[in-house]
Amino acid sequence: MTPTVPAPAPAPASPSTARAINDRLALRLLQDQGPLTAAQLKTLTGLSRPSVADLVERLAAAGMIEVVGESGAQRRGPNARLYGIVAGRAFLAALDVRTDSATAVVTDLLGTPLHRTALPVDAPAAAVAELRRAAQAVGAAELHTVAVGAPGLVSPGTGELRDTTGLPAWHRELVAALQRELPARILVENETNLAAVAEQRCGAARELDSFVLLWLGAGVGAAVVLDGRLRRGASGGAGEIGFLPVPGTAALPSATDCGGGFHALAGREAVAALAVEHGFAGTPEEAVAGSGGEAFLDALAERLALGAAAVAAVLDPGCVVLGGELGLAGGPDLAARVTARLATLTPVPTSVRATTLGGDAVLEGARLAARDAAQEALFSPG
């Protein structure tokens, strides 16, 4: 019998590696919990008082943290100082790019929104110039990171926005112009995926590890979060639910046209047409908010339940969040109607919730993505 040879014990971390790990831990705590005193950092990190003192001195010398106040009016001295991340060390931007509009928000390193502006469409150079002006308006010489949420397929491996049928060419031209003209890191993600990130971090899905966001706007889309991870699929096409074949449409969808798919039932134009059928002539948002009447809401819930049932049968996410402008307008009432109808279509237990962020979820998700990426780069050792 061959004796078992024990695996060698892992080598202890070098002093420099240990310092880097401790520094990143402290910075994460300051990000998540806000300004802290040295005593609070000692408690939260488990480090000794001298180690915390060295850590604070290193991070302050590197321009990463600064004194932002004191912990109490009765206390004075080093132990009472509150330390916080230097928010102005880097400036970031989040972009929400739609088929006919683009909105940008410039933030500091903490992700605090500082300036919001509409970018011109159809003219990428003008859009980049406007973004530069927005950054300069808050005192930023350059942007460190820019996160872009756009409709269409984004390749998971490269982050490239693919040329998608039905979307204007200026989308790809805008991303290319940003990459070419700004000395910033440019991140590109599908808009619905970013909305799901926002819903999970600060919206309707905050306590959930698994859910599907069903985006209801000009178009329809879905974002899949399973076991705490955003799932993009092999080509970035996970969630292209607008192409899902469903009953009730005039034709089948094709590789280049989602008009015969779920989009034909749940897109904004389809919802507007359904409201007209029920005698309502206002906006789709007004109809979904209740002005369209009970019969309209039940008919819309029937349509949405078809898409949700397909999602439940394939993914079993446990929860579907109705997102976008229409999901926000419908609120808990529409979500409850979809829940009731969905329970008759699938044996898979699936709750339905309304978004708490609406259309702003894309911009919020882009803001969080830019902040996380910038901090990861700046907080990394070396």
Foldseek 3Di string as FASTA:
>chain_A
DDDDDDDDDDDDDDPVVVLLVLLLVLQVCCLVPNWDFLVVSCVVVVDDSVSSVVSVVVCVVVQQKDFDAFQDPVDDDRRGTTIHGPQAPFKEKEWEDELQWIKMFIGTLSLHTDDIDTADFPDLVRRVVVVCVRCVVVPHNAHAEYEYAYAAFAFPVPRQGDDAAPGDPRVNVNQVCCVVPGPYHYHYAHLQQLLVVLCCVPKVNVPAQWEKEWEFEQFTWIWTGHRNDTDQDNGSPPTRQLQAADPDFPDHADRRGSCRGLRVCGHQVNLCVLLVVQPDNDGSLVCLLDPSHDVSLLSSLLSVLRSVLVCCVPPLRQEYEHAASSLQSNFPVSQVSNQVNNVVRDVRHYGYGGIPQHNCSSRVSRSVVRSVVVCCVVSRDD
